[in-house]
Amino acid sequence: MAAVAVAAALTASVLTVPPAQAAKAADPGSCKTKDDPSWSGWSDHAQVGAALAQIEASSGGRVGVEVAGRSAQGRELWVARAGTGDRVLLVTSAIHGNERTGTEALLGILKDLAAGGDARTERLLDEITLVAMPMVNPDGGELNRRVNVVPWEDTVAAFPQLEGAPRAWYHRLSGDGIDLPGYDLNRDFNPDLDYVPRAADLPGEETDAGFFLSSESRAIRDVYVAMREEKGSVDAYVDLHHMGPCDILTGGPQDGDLITFSLDYPPLGVQDGAAYQDEWPALDQDKSRRYALSVYNGLIEKYGAQSPHVAVGRYFHPDSREYAGQGRSAFALNGTGTVLFEVRGQQDDLGQKQKGMFVQSVRTGIESLMDGLATGSADTLDGDDFFDLPDYGWDTAAD
């Protein structure tokens, strides 16, 4: 996500900067980045597979792991499932290959669900079905880059009806300094879950739905559809990402502090996606905001308002922001409450720095939503309270 560039572009229009924020900006501290930090401490594809196999083997049947599909280069796309409850939470991580805090958080959650004997764990397993896909872009991950690896010719070979059509707008010829083509997978989704690519729809625009051109996005869709068919609905979807490394909170109890992560609801254009309501009446933006609040409230309850674990705010989301091709948007149009996590910094910005804190914060956030779904407390919140969360300068600039 290009939050750093957005924040920089907005800086010129900010008339006043709170003293605490100015002090933080002058001293970048823990947001200081490196040109080429080591990322060996983040789990690679083989390590994720080994961890999932060990969790499944030791779980006594609590956690099941399957291969939901394969990446363009043939790597397994694993899906781990825990719990038998009617309320389904689907979580994906590393759809951008160099954004993997969520991968570590999901492995930790699954490990505890596999072994925990306390009353809370038992309640979660009874009330929730957690469906976790901890690494959905392993090809990009092996290169430590955002996009996957797919030449356009391979797409045409898979979909001969696209012969002669222009490339999809989100297909890149290179990425993160690596001269290999691939897709931004987080633009490759369509609310029509039966959609088949059509030449007449290409190349599309960034506000449009995507085309399910990559095996990775199709695998995520297929897991979503299967769970909806089995359980009747997918209550919630969490999409785990990273943002820029140096954004600073504006407002709230940690005004001027470096943000830990930001939260968002689906970006579907003006008036809460009003243009989509006729065709997609199940869209419920307030539900997505309630679920995001459940994440925030759980962090506050566990750590207190001043903890760096709770330096959390709203992600960049002016009213006009519109990305119908993101998975969280496509699933929201089908009635699911969806929440975006954007963790500050990627492993190619910060390396191992603050990894433990970021992983624990994301993990607690996911677990908070799990608790909220299990108890029903997430359903009783006022979604408008989401707008009271701090931002990181963009809302102030817009004013």
Protein backbone atom coordinates (compact mmCIF):
# COMPACT_ATOMS: atom_id res chain seq x y z
CA MET A 1 0.00 0.00 0.00
CA ALA A 2 1.36 3.41 -0.94
CA ALA A 3 0.54 5.15 2.34
CA VAL A 4 3.98 6.77 2.56
CA ALA A 5 3.59 8.47 -0.80
CA VAL A 6 0.09 9.59 0.07
CA ALA A 7 1.18 11.01 3.40
CA ALA A 8 4.05 12.86 1.75
CA ALA A 9 1.77 14.37 -0.85
CA LEU A 10 -0.59 15.60 1.84
CA THR A 11 2.07 17.10 4.07
CA ALA A 12 2.20 20.39 2.17
CA SER A 13 -1.45 21.09 2.91
CA VAL A 14 -1.18 20.60 6.70
CA LEU A 15 -1.25 24.09 8.22
CA THR A 16 -0.30 23.17 11.76
CA VAL A 17 1.53 20.20 13.25
CA PRO A 18 0.97 19.27 16.92
CA PRO A 19 4.18 19.80 18.97
CA ALA A 20 4.40 16.15 19.93
CA GLN A 21 4.07 15.10 16.31
CA ALA A 22 6.70 17.63 15.21
CA ALA A 23 9.12 16.26 17.78
CA LYS A 24 8.55 12.71 16.61
CA ALA A 25 8.96 13.72 12.97
CA ALA A 26 12.26 15.44 13.74
CA ASP A 27 13.55 12.31 15.46
CA PRO A 28 12.52 9.31 13.36
CA GLY A 29 13.69 6.89 16.04
CA SER A 30 12.39 3.40 15.48
CA CYS A 31 11.01 4.22 12.04
CA LYS A 32 14.51 4.63 10.63
CA THR A 33 14.78 2.40 7.57
CA LYS A 34 17.62 0.49 5.98
CA ASP A 35 18.50 0.21 2.31
CA ASP A 36 18.78 -3.57 2.35
CA PRO A 37 17.84 -5.05 5.74
CA SER A 38 17.98 -8.76 6.39
CA TRP A 39 14.62 -10.50 6.10
CA SER A 40 15.85 -14.00 6.88
CA GLY A 41 14.05 -13.95 10.22
CA TRP A 42 10.65 -13.97 8.54
CA SER A 43 9.20 -17.39 7.77
CA ASP A 44 9.64 -18.47 4.16
CA HIS A 45 7.30 -20.79 2.30
CA ALA A 46 9.01 -24.01 3.37
CA GLN A 47 9.08 -22.90 7.01
CA VAL A 48 5.38 -22.02 6.94
CA GLY A 49 4.60 -25.46 5.53
CA ALA A 50 6.68 -27.17 8.22
CA ALA A 51 5.05 -25.12 10.98
CA LEU A 52 1.55 -25.91 9.74
CA ALA A 53 2.35 -29.62 9.51
CA GLN A 54 3.64 -29.62 13.09
CA ILE A 55 0.60 -27.70 14.37
CA GLU A 56 -1.78 -30.10 12.65
CA ALA A 57 0.04 -33.18 13.89
CA SER A 58 0.04 -32.01 17.51
CA SER A 59 -3.51 -30.65 17.57
CA GLY A 60 -5.37 -33.90 18.12
CA GLY A 61 -7.70 -33.10 15.25
CA ARG A 62 -8.40 -29.49 16.28
CA VAL A 63 -6.52 -27.97 13.33
CA GLY A 64 -6.73 -29.31 9.80
CA VAL A 65 -4.43 -28.18 6.99
CA GLU A 66 -5.10 -28.61 3.29
CA VAL A 67 -3.67 -27.37 0.01
CA ALA A 68 -6.24 -24.93 -1.40
CA GLY A 69 -4.38 -24.44 -4.67
CA ARG A 70 -0.96 -23.66 -6.07
CA SER A 71 0.84 -20.48 -6.96
CA ALA A 72 1.81 -19.64 -10.52
CA GLN A 73 5.19 -21.27 -9.87
CA GLY A 74 3.66 -24.35 -8.27
CA ARG A 75 4.02 -23.63 -4.55
CA GLU A 76 1.33 -24.82 -2.17
CA LEU A 77 -1.31 -22.36 -0.98
CA TRP A 78 -2.22 -23.75 2.43
CA VAL A 79 -5.46 -23.25 4.29
CA ALA A 80 -5.64 -24.13 7.98
CA ARG A 81 -8.97 -24.55 9.73
CA ALA A 82 -9.71 -24.57 13.45
CA GLY A 83 -13.02 -24.72 15.27
CA THR A 84 -16.50 -25.93 14.42
CA GLY A 85 -18.61 -22.85 15.12
CA ASP A 86 -21.22 -21.36 12.83
CA ARG A 87 -19.48 -17.99 12.65
CA VAL A 88 -16.74 -18.05 10.02
CA LEU A 89 -13.66 -15.82 10.07
CA LEU A 90 -11.43 -16.01 6.99
CA VAL A 91 -7.96 -14.43 7.32
CA THR A 92 -5.35 -14.06 4.58
CA SER A 93 -1.77 -12.86 4.87
CA ALA A 94 1.08 -12.00 2.51
CA ILE A 95 -1.03 -11.40 -0.60
CA HIS A 96 1.75 -8.88 -1.16
CA GLY A 97 4.80 -11.07 -0.85
CA ASN A 98 6.90 -8.70 1.27
CA GLU A 99 4.18 -8.12 3.90
CA ARG A 100 4.43 -11.02 6.32
CA THR A 101 3.79 -9.90 9.89
CA GLY A 102 0.36 -11.49 9.60
CA THR A 103 1.91 -14.82 8.61
CA GLU A 104 3.74 -15.04 11.93
CA ALA A 105 0.64 -13.91 13.85
CA LEU A 106 -1.55 -16.58 12.25
CA LEU A 107 0.93 -19.35 13.00
CA GLY A 108 0.93 -18.28 16.64
CA ILE A 109 -2.87 -18.22 16.84
CA LEU A 110 -3.17 -21.65 15.25
CA LYS A 111 -0.54 -23.09 17.57
CA ASP A 112 -2.44 -21.90 20.64
CA LEU A 113 -5.81 -23.09 19.34
CA ALA A 114 -4.24 -26.49 18.71
CA ALA A 115 -2.95 -26.86 22.26
CA GLY A 116 -5.01 -24.61 24.54
CA GLY A 117 -7.11 -26.19 27.25
CA ASP A 118 -8.56 -23.06 28.86
CA ALA A 119 -12.22 -22.05 28.78
CA ARG A 120 -11.66 -19.20 26.32
CA THR A 121 -10.02 -21.49 23.75
CA GLU A 122 -12.81 -24.03 24.13
CA ARG A 123 -15.42 -21.31 23.59
CA LEU A 124 -13.68 -20.03 20.48
CA LEU A 125 -13.46 -23.53 19.00
CA ASP A 126 -17.15 -24.05 19.71
CA GLU A 127 -18.39 -20.70 18.38
CA ILE A 128 -15.94 -19.82 15.59
CA THR A 129 -14.57 -21.51 12.51
CA LEU A 130 -11.23 -19.85 11.82
CA VAL A 131 -10.01 -20.32 8.25
CA ALA A 132 -6.43 -19.06 7.88
CA MET A 133 -4.38 -18.73 4.71
CA PRO A 134 -1.03 -17.54 6.09
CA MET A 135 0.93 -17.14 2.84
CA VAL A 136 -1.11 -16.56 -0.32
CA ASN A 137 1.67 -15.09 -2.49
CA PRO A 138 4.63 -17.40 -1.89
CA ASP A 139 6.26 -16.63 -5.27
CA GLY A 140 6.45 -12.94 -4.44
CA GLY A 141 7.54 -13.84 -0.94
CA GLU A 142 10.52 -15.83 -2.17
CA LEU A 143 11.69 -12.67 -3.98
CA ASN A 144 10.75 -10.35 -1.10
CA ARG A 145 8.54 -8.31 -3.39
CA ARG A 146 4.93 -7.17 -3.61
CA VAL A 147 3.69 -8.84 -6.82
CA ASN A 148 3.69 -12.49 -7.84
CA VAL A 149 5.50 -13.90 -10.92
CA VAL A 150 3.34 -14.43 -14.02
CA PRO A 151 4.15 -13.46 -17.63
CA TRP A 152 1.14 -12.17 -19.55
CA GLU A 153 1.64 -14.96 -22.10
CA ASP A 154 0.93 -17.52 -19.36
CA THR A 155 -2.34 -15.78 -18.59
CA VAL A 156 -3.36 -15.92 -22.26
CA ALA A 157 -2.41 -19.59 -22.37
CA ALA A 158 -4.70 -20.23 -19.38
CA PHE A 159 -7.50 -18.11 -20.87
CA PRO A 160 -7.26 -18.36 -24.69
CA GLN A 161 -10.25 -16.02 -25.04
CA LEU A 162 -7.89 -13.18 -24.03
CA GLU A 163 -5.69 -13.57 -27.12
CA GLY A 164 -5.05 -10.08 -28.50
CA ALA A 165 -6.60 -8.28 -25.53
CA PRO A 166 -4.60 -5.61 -23.67
CA ARG A 167 -2.94 -6.59 -20.42
CA ALA A 168 -4.93 -6.08 -17.22
CA TRP A 169 -4.07 -2.74 -15.69
CA TYR A 170 -2.70 -4.37 -12.52
CA HIS A 171 -0.30 -6.69 -14.37
CA ARG A 172 3.23 -5.30 -13.91
CA LEU A 173 6.26 -5.89 -16.09
CA SER A 174 8.55 -5.69 -13.05
CA GLY A 175 8.29 -5.15 -9.33
CA ASP A 176 10.47 -3.93 -6.46
CA GLY A 177 13.50 -3.67 -8.73
CA ILE A 178 13.15 -7.24 -10.02
CA ASP A 179 12.73 -7.54 -13.78
CA LEU A 180 10.02 -10.21 -13.73
CA PRO A 181 6.34 -9.65 -14.59
CA GLY A 182 3.48 -10.34 -12.22
CA TYR A 183 0.16 -9.25 -10.73
CA ASP A 184 -0.79 -7.11 -7.82
CA LEU A 185 -2.99 -9.89 -6.49
CA ASN A 186 -4.94 -7.50 -4.31
CA ARG A 187 -6.61 -6.07 -7.42
CA ASP A 188 -7.58 -9.42 -8.96
CA PHE A 189 -10.96 -9.99 -7.24
CA ASN A 190 -14.52 -9.65 -8.49
CA PRO A 191 -17.76 -9.64 -6.46
CA ASP A 192 -19.22 -11.95 -9.10
CA LEU A 193 -17.64 -15.07 -7.66
CA ASP A 194 -18.44 -17.00 -10.84
CA TYR A 195 -16.78 -14.44 -13.09
CA VAL A 196 -14.79 -15.78 -16.05
CA PRO A 197 -12.28 -13.42 -17.72
CA ARG A 198 -13.54 -11.67 -20.87
CA ALA A 199 -11.40 -9.84 -23.42
CA ALA A 200 -13.93 -7.01 -23.62
CA ASP A 201 -13.37 -6.18 -19.93
CA LEU A 202 -9.62 -5.58 -20.29
CA PRO A 203 -7.57 -3.68 -19.35
CA GLY A 204 -10.01 -2.23 -16.81
CA GLU A 205 -9.33 0.62 -14.39
CA GLU A 206 -8.16 0.80 -10.79
CA THR A 207 -11.69 1.49 -9.54
CA ASP A 208 -13.05 -1.59 -11.33
CA ALA A 209 -13.45 -5.15 -10.17
CA GLY A 210 -10.62 -7.50 -11.13
CA PHE A 211 -10.69 -10.57 -13.34
CA PHE A 212 -9.51 -13.60 -11.29
CA LEU A 213 -6.54 -14.01 -13.63
CA SER A 214 -4.16 -15.51 -11.06
CA SER A 215 -4.35 -18.92 -9.45
CA GLU A 216 -3.66 -17.36 -6.04
CA SER A 217 -6.70 -15.07 -6.08
CA ARG A 218 -8.86 -17.87 -7.45
CA ALA A 219 -7.75 -20.12 -4.57
CA ILE A 220 -8.80 -17.51 -2.00
CA ARG A 221 -12.13 -17.10 -3.78
CA ASP A 222 -12.66 -20.86 -3.83
CA VAL A 223 -12.03 -21.12 -0.09
CA TYR A 224 -14.50 -18.29 0.52
CA VAL A 225 -17.15 -19.92 -1.68
CA ALA A 226 -16.67 -23.33 -0.07
CA MET A 227 -17.09 -21.92 3.42
CA ARG A 228 -20.17 -19.98 2.39
CA GLU A 229 -21.72 -23.10 0.90
CA GLU A 230 -20.92 -25.15 4.02
CA LYS A 231 -21.88 -22.62 6.69
CA GLY A 232 -24.34 -20.37 4.88
CA SER A 233 -22.16 -17.27 5.14
CA VAL A 234 -18.68 -15.99 5.87
CA ASP A 235 -19.20 -13.53 8.72
CA ALA A 236 -15.84 -11.78 8.61
CA TYR A 237 -12.75 -11.48 6.45
CA VAL A 238 -9.45 -9.98 7.62
CA ASP A 239 -6.82 -8.97 5.07
CA LEU A 240 -3.34 -8.53 6.59
CA HIS A 241 -0.95 -5.99 5.00
CA HIS A 242 1.85 -3.51 5.69
CA MET A 243 2.00 0.26 5.10
CA GLY A 244 4.83 2.81 5.20
CA PRO A 245 7.40 2.72 8.01
CA CYS A 246 7.22 6.23 9.51
CA ASP A 247 3.58 7.36 9.78
CA ILE A 248 2.59 9.22 12.94
CA LEU A 249 -0.76 9.26 14.71
CA THR A 250 -2.80 12.45 14.71
CA GLY A 251 -5.20 12.69 17.64
CA GLY A 252 -6.13 10.20 20.31
CA PRO A 253 -4.23 9.22 23.46
CA GLN A 254 -1.00 8.60 21.51
CA ASP A 255 -1.04 11.74 19.37
CA GLY A 256 2.41 12.20 17.82
CA ASP A 257 3.52 8.59 18.31
CA LEU A 258 4.51 6.27 15.52
CA ILE A 259 1.53 4.22 14.39
CA THR A 260 1.65 0.45 14.96
CA PHE A 261 -1.04 -0.47 12.48
CA SER A 262 -4.12 1.04 10.88
CA LEU A 263 -7.59 -0.38 10.24
CA ASP A 264 -10.01 0.10 7.38
CA TYR A 265 -13.38 -0.90 5.98
CA PRO A 266 -13.98 -1.53 2.24
CA PRO A 267 -13.00 1.32 -0.14
CA LEU A 268 -16.06 1.48 -2.38
CA GLY A 269 -16.41 5.12 -3.31
CA VAL A 270 -18.69 7.92 -2.26
CA GLN A 271 -21.57 7.63 0.20
CA ASP A 272 -20.42 4.30 1.59
CA GLY A 273 -20.52 2.55 -1.76
CA ALA A 274 -24.00 3.79 -2.67
CA ALA A 275 -23.40 3.04 -6.36
CA TYR A 276 -23.10 -0.68 -5.54
CA GLN A 277 -26.18 -1.13 -3.37
CA ASP A 278 -28.69 -1.92 -6.10
CA GLU A 279 -26.64 -4.75 -7.58
CA TRP A 280 -25.09 -5.86 -4.28
CA PRO A 281 -27.72 -5.26 -1.57
CA ALA A 282 -25.87 -7.40 0.99
CA LEU A 283 -23.16 -4.73 1.34
CA ASP A 284 -23.04 -3.54 4.97
CA GLN A 285 -20.27 -1.00 5.52
CA ASP A 286 -21.35 -0.42 9.10
CA LYS A 287 -20.74 -4.11 9.88
CA SER A 288 -17.17 -3.82 8.62
CA ARG A 289 -16.62 -0.77 10.81
CA ARG A 290 -18.08 -2.59 13.83
CA TYR A 291 -15.64 -5.43 13.30
CA ALA A 292 -12.73 -2.98 13.00
CA LEU A 293 -13.83 -1.40 16.29
CA SER A 294 -13.91 -4.82 17.89
CA VAL A 295 -10.24 -5.16 16.98
CA TYR A 296 -9.39 -1.77 18.48
CA ASN A 297 -11.42 -2.30 21.65
CA GLY A 298 -9.77 -5.64 22.28
CA LEU A 299 -6.34 -4.06 22.06
CA ILE A 300 -7.35 -1.34 24.52
CA GLU A 301 -8.76 -3.90 26.92
CA LYS A 302 -5.60 -5.99 26.91
CA TYR A 303 -2.87 -3.37 26.84
CA GLY A 304 -4.36 -0.02 27.90
CA ALA A 305 -4.60 3.14 25.81
CA GLN A 306 -0.93 4.17 26.13
CA SER A 307 0.72 0.94 25.02
CA PRO A 308 2.55 0.93 21.67
CA HIS A 309 0.48 -2.16 20.87
CA VAL A 310 -2.52 0.20 20.73
CA ALA A 311 -0.98 2.97 18.61
CA VAL A 312 -3.72 2.21 16.11
CA GLY A 313 -5.78 4.45 13.83
CA ARG A 314 -7.77 4.62 10.62
CA TYR A 315 -6.16 3.81 7.29
CA PHE A 316 -6.12 6.41 4.50
CA HIS A 317 -9.75 6.46 3.36
CA PRO A 318 -11.23 9.64 1.90
CA ASP A 319 -14.84 9.25 0.82
CA SER A 320 -13.95 8.90 -2.85
CA ARG A 321 -11.43 6.05 -2.42
CA GLU A 322 -12.58 3.14 -4.58
CA TYR A 323 -10.99 -0.27 -5.17
CA ALA A 324 -13.65 -2.78 -6.13
CA GLY A 325 -10.96 -5.28 -7.19
CA GLN A 326 -9.61 -5.84 -3.70
CA GLY A 327 -10.60 -9.05 -1.96
CA ARG A 328 -12.03 -7.19 1.01
CA SER A 329 -14.27 -5.19 -1.33
CA ALA A 330 -15.44 -8.18 -3.35
CA PHE A 331 -16.31 -10.17 -0.23
CA ALA A 332 -18.00 -7.18 1.41
CA LEU A 333 -20.26 -6.83 -1.61
CA ASN A 334 -21.31 -10.42 -0.89
CA GLY A 335 -22.33 -9.52 2.65
CA THR A 336 -19.16 -10.24 4.65
CA GLY A 337 -17.81 -7.73 7.16
CA THR A 338 -14.22 -7.09 6.09
CA VAL A 339 -11.31 -5.47 7.93
CA LEU A 340 -7.93 -4.37 6.60
CA PHE A 341 -4.87 -4.36 8.87
CA GLU A 342 -1.95 -2.20 7.66
CA VAL A 343 1.13 -2.75 9.84
CA ARG A 344 3.73 0.02 9.88
CA GLY A 345 6.77 -0.93 7.84
CA GLN A 346 7.64 -3.96 5.76
CA GLN A 347 10.48 -6.35 6.33
CA ASP A 348 12.33 -4.71 3.43
CA ASP A 349 12.08 -1.37 5.29
CA LEU A 350 12.74 -2.37 8.89
CA GLY A 351 14.14 -5.91 8.75
CA GLN A 352 13.68 -7.52 12.16
CA LYS A 353 13.18 -4.25 14.03
CA GLN A 354 10.12 -4.34 16.29
CA LYS A 355 8.99 -7.57 14.65
CA GLY A 356 7.88 -9.09 17.94
CA MET A 357 5.75 -6.11 18.91
CA PHE A 358 4.10 -5.89 15.49
CA VAL A 359 3.34 -9.62 15.39
CA GLN A 360 1.85 -9.57 18.89
CA SER A 361 -0.31 -6.53 18.09
CA VAL A 362 -1.71 -8.13 14.93
CA ARG A 363 -2.27 -11.38 16.74
CA THR A 364 -4.17 -9.67 19.56
CA GLY A 365 -6.22 -7.74 17.01
CA ILE A 366 -7.33 -10.92 15.22
CA GLU A 367 -8.05 -12.67 18.51
CA SER A 368 -10.11 -9.67 19.62
CA LEU A 369 -12.34 -10.01 16.58
CA MET A 370 -12.59 -13.74 17.22
CA ASP A 371 -13.77 -13.00 20.76
CA GLY A 372 -16.20 -10.38 19.47
CA LEU A 373 -17.73 -12.84 17.03
CA ALA A 374 -17.88 -15.64 19.59
CA THR A 375 -19.63 -13.54 22.23
CA GLY A 376 -21.66 -11.40 19.84
CA SER A 377 -20.16 -8.20 21.26
CA ALA A 378 -18.82 -7.20 17.83
CA ASP A 379 -22.40 -7.04 16.56
CA THR A 380 -23.60 -4.55 19.17
CA LEU A 381 -21.03 -1.79 18.54
CA ASP A 382 -21.85 1.49 16.81
CA GLY A 383 -19.95 1.51 13.52
CA ASP A 384 -19.93 5.30 13.45
CA ASP A 385 -17.53 5.25 16.41
CA PHE A 386 -14.90 4.01 13.98
CA PHE A 387 -14.58 7.57 12.71
CA ASP A 388 -13.46 8.71 16.18
CA LEU A 389 -10.24 6.72 15.87
CA PRO A 390 -7.13 8.80 15.16
CA ASP A 391 -5.65 9.00 11.68
CA TYR A 392 -2.09 9.76 10.61
CA GLY A 393 -2.39 13.24 9.18
CA TRP A 394 -4.50 12.69 6.09
CA ASP A 395 -7.82 13.68 7.67
CA THR A 396 -6.25 16.80 9.20
CA ALA A 397 -4.76 17.70 5.82
CA ALA A 398 -8.09 17.24 4.07
CA ASP A 399 -9.71 19.68 6.52
